[in-house]
């Protein structure tokens, strides 16, 4: 039971860290690009298009301080 709880909490920490990394990269305007060793799924790439440049500019324009 203790091992199961440890695995559960460790996986939550890992996944929340990945989500936080993705959110921070989105706010800064950087794109997360896999390296040359990553294996991709062509079907997933079709359903998750990259963020257009214009949308990225609008995100940055709204977050600037005067």
N, C-alpha and C. Protein backbone atom coordinates (compact mmCIF):
# COMPACT_ATOMS: atom_id res chain seq x y z
N UNK A 1 0.82 -1.19 0.00
CA UNK A 1 0.00 0.00 0.00
C UNK A 1 0.87 1.26 0.00
N UNK A 2 1.92 1.24 0.78
CA UNK A 2 2.82 2.40 0.85
C UNK A 2 3.50 2.62 -0.49
N UNK A 3 3.92 1.55 -1.14
CA UNK A 3 4.55 1.67 -2.45
C UNK A 3 3.58 2.26 -3.47
N UNK A 4 2.35 1.84 -3.44
CA UNK A 4 1.34 2.36 -4.35
C UNK A 4 1.14 3.87 -4.15
N UNK A 5 1.07 4.30 -2.92
CA UNK A 5 0.92 5.73 -2.63
C UNK A 5 2.15 6.52 -3.07
N UNK A 6 3.33 5.95 -2.88
CA UNK A 6 4.54 6.62 -3.31
C UNK A 6 4.57 6.78 -4.83
N UNK A 7 4.21 5.73 -5.56
CA UNK A 7 4.18 5.80 -7.03
C UNK A 7 3.15 6.83 -7.48
N UNK A 8 1.99 6.86 -6.85
CA UNK A 8 0.94 7.81 -7.19
C UNK A 8 1.43 9.25 -7.00
N UNK A 9 2.01 9.55 -5.85
CA UNK A 9 2.47 10.90 -5.59
C UNK A 9 3.66 11.29 -6.48
N UNK A 10 4.54 10.36 -6.74
CA UNK A 10 5.67 10.65 -7.62
C UNK A 10 5.19 10.96 -9.04
N UNK A 11 4.19 10.23 -9.52
CA UNK A 11 3.67 10.49 -10.86
C UNK A 11 2.94 11.83 -10.91
N UNK A 12 2.24 12.19 -9.85
CA UNK A 12 1.58 13.50 -9.80
C UNK A 12 2.61 14.63 -9.86
N UNK A 13 3.69 14.49 -9.12
CA UNK A 13 4.73 15.51 -9.14
C UNK A 13 5.33 15.64 -10.53
N UNK A 14 5.60 14.52 -11.17
CA UNK A 14 6.17 14.53 -12.51
C UNK A 14 5.23 15.20 -13.51
N UNK A 15 3.96 14.81 -13.49
CA UNK A 15 3.00 15.36 -14.45
C UNK A 15 2.71 16.83 -14.19
N UNK A 16 2.61 17.24 -12.94
CA UNK A 16 2.39 18.65 -12.65
C UNK A 16 3.61 19.49 -13.05
N UNK A 17 4.79 18.94 -12.91
CA UNK A 17 5.99 19.63 -13.37
C UNK A 17 5.99 19.82 -14.88
N UNK A 18 5.53 18.81 -15.61
CA UNK A 18 5.45 18.92 -17.07
C UNK A 18 4.41 19.97 -17.47
N UNK A 19 3.27 19.99 -16.79
CA UNK A 19 2.25 20.99 -17.09
C UNK A 19 2.74 22.39 -16.77
N UNK A 20 3.45 22.55 -15.67
CA UNK A 20 3.99 23.86 -15.30
C UNK A 20 5.02 24.33 -16.33
N UNK A 21 5.85 23.42 -16.79
CA UNK A 21 6.84 23.75 -17.81
C UNK A 21 6.16 24.20 -19.10
N UNK A 22 5.13 23.49 -19.50
CA UNK A 22 4.40 23.84 -20.72
C UNK A 22 3.71 25.19 -20.57
N UNK A 23 3.10 25.45 -19.43
CA UNK A 23 2.42 26.72 -19.20
C UNK A 23 3.40 27.89 -19.19
N UNK A 24 4.55 27.70 -18.55
CA UNK A 24 5.56 28.76 -18.52
C UNK A 24 6.11 29.03 -19.91
N UNK A 25 6.35 28.00 -20.69
CA UNK A 25 6.84 28.18 -22.06
C UNK A 25 5.81 28.91 -22.91
N UNK A 26 4.54 28.61 -22.71
CA UNK A 26 3.48 29.27 -23.45
C UNK A 26 3.42 30.75 -23.10
N UNK A 27 3.53 31.08 -21.82
CA UNK A 27 3.48 32.48 -21.39
C UNK A 27 4.66 33.28 -21.91
N UNK A 28 5.82 32.66 -21.96
CA UNK A 28 7.01 33.35 -22.44
C UNK A 28 7.00 33.43 -23.97
N UNK A 29 6.28 32.53 -24.61
CA UNK A 29 6.19 32.54 -26.06
C UNK A 29 7.14 31.58 -26.75
N UNK A 30 7.77 30.70 -25.98
CA UNK A 30 8.67 29.72 -26.56
C UNK A 30 7.89 28.46 -26.89
N UNK A 31 8.29 27.82 -27.96
CA UNK A 31 7.64 26.58 -28.36
C UNK A 31 8.46 25.40 -27.86
N UNK A 32 7.79 24.41 -27.32
CA UNK A 32 8.47 23.21 -26.86
C UNK A 32 8.64 22.29 -28.08
N UNK A 33 9.88 22.07 -28.45
CA UNK A 33 10.18 21.29 -29.65
C UNK A 33 10.94 20.04 -29.23
N UNK A 34 10.48 18.86 -29.66
CA UNK A 34 11.20 17.63 -29.31
C UNK A 34 12.54 17.55 -30.04
N UNK A 35 13.47 16.84 -29.43
CA UNK A 35 14.78 16.69 -30.07
C UNK A 35 14.72 15.63 -31.17
N UNK A 36 15.83 15.39 -31.81
CA UNK A 36 15.86 14.48 -32.97
C UNK A 36 15.62 13.01 -32.59
N UNK A 37 15.73 12.66 -31.32
CA UNK A 37 15.55 11.28 -30.89
C UNK A 37 14.10 10.97 -30.48
N UNK A 38 13.24 11.97 -30.43
CA UNK A 38 11.86 11.77 -30.01
C UNK A 38 11.05 11.09 -31.11
N UNK A 39 10.22 10.16 -30.71
CA UNK A 39 9.34 9.48 -31.66
C UNK A 39 7.97 10.14 -31.60
N UNK A 40 7.49 10.58 -32.73
CA UNK A 40 6.21 11.28 -32.77
C UNK A 40 5.12 10.46 -33.44
N UNK A 41 3.90 10.83 -33.17
CA UNK A 41 2.74 10.19 -33.77
C UNK A 41 2.14 11.16 -34.79
N UNK A 42 2.13 10.83 -36.08
CA UNK A 42 1.61 11.76 -37.08
C UNK A 42 0.14 12.13 -36.86
N UNK A 43 -0.65 11.23 -36.32
CA UNK A 43 -2.06 11.52 -36.07
C UNK A 43 -2.21 12.57 -34.97
N UNK A 44 -1.37 12.52 -33.96
CA UNK A 44 -1.43 13.51 -32.89
C UNK A 44 -1.01 14.87 -33.41
N UNK A 45 -0.05 14.91 -34.29
CA UNK A 45 0.40 16.18 -34.85
C UNK A 45 -0.70 16.86 -35.65
N UNK A 46 -1.56 16.08 -36.28
CA UNK A 46 -2.67 16.65 -37.05
C UNK A 46 -3.73 17.25 -36.14
N UNK A 47 -3.96 16.64 -34.99
CA UNK A 47 -5.02 17.12 -34.11
C UNK A 47 -4.56 18.22 -33.16
N UNK A 48 -3.26 18.43 -33.03
CA UNK A 48 -2.73 19.47 -32.16
C UNK A 48 -1.84 20.40 -32.98
N UNK A 49 -2.43 21.34 -33.70
CA UNK A 49 -1.61 22.24 -34.52
C UNK A 49 -0.80 23.19 -33.65
N UNK A 50 0.27 23.68 -34.21
CA UNK A 50 1.11 24.63 -33.49
C UNK A 50 0.42 25.97 -33.40
N UNK A 51 0.81 26.76 -32.42
CA UNK A 51 0.21 28.06 -32.20
C UNK A 51 0.65 29.01 -33.31
N UNK A 52 -0.30 29.66 -33.98
CA UNK A 52 0.08 30.61 -35.04
C UNK A 52 0.86 31.80 -34.48
N UNK A 53 1.70 32.39 -35.31
CA UNK A 53 2.54 33.50 -34.88
C UNK A 53 1.70 34.70 -34.44
N UNK A 54 0.61 34.97 -35.13
CA UNK A 54 -0.23 36.12 -34.79
C UNK A 54 -0.83 35.95 -33.39
N UNK A 55 -1.27 34.76 -33.06
CA UNK A 55 -1.84 34.50 -31.76
C UNK A 55 -0.76 34.69 -30.67
N UNK A 56 0.45 34.27 -30.95
CA UNK A 56 1.55 34.42 -30.01
C UNK A 56 1.84 35.91 -29.76
N UNK A 57 1.79 36.72 -30.83
CA UNK A 57 2.03 38.16 -30.68
C UNK A 57 0.95 38.80 -29.82
N UNK A 58 -0.30 38.36 -29.99
CA UNK A 58 -1.39 38.92 -29.20
C UNK A 58 -1.24 38.58 -27.72
N UNK A 59 -0.75 37.39 -27.43
CA UNK A 59 -0.54 36.99 -26.04
C UNK A 59 0.50 37.90 -25.40
N UNK A 60 1.60 38.19 -26.14
CA UNK A 60 2.65 39.04 -25.60
C UNK A 60 2.19 40.49 -25.48
N UNK A 61 1.39 40.96 -26.42
CA UNK A 61 0.94 42.35 -26.39
C UNK A 61 0.07 42.61 -25.16
N UNK A 62 -0.72 41.63 -24.76
CA UNK A 62 -1.60 41.82 -23.62
C UNK A 62 -0.89 41.69 -22.28
N UNK A 63 0.30 41.14 -22.26
CA UNK A 63 0.98 40.91 -20.98
C UNK A 63 2.04 41.95 -20.66
N UNK A 64 2.23 42.93 -21.53
CA UNK A 64 3.27 43.93 -21.31
C UNK A 64 2.84 44.93 -20.25
N UNK A 65 3.77 45.36 -19.42
CA UNK A 65 3.53 46.38 -18.42
C UNK A 65 3.82 47.74 -19.00
N UNK A 66 3.03 48.79 -18.67
CA UNK A 66 3.30 50.15 -19.22
C UNK A 66 4.56 50.76 -18.64
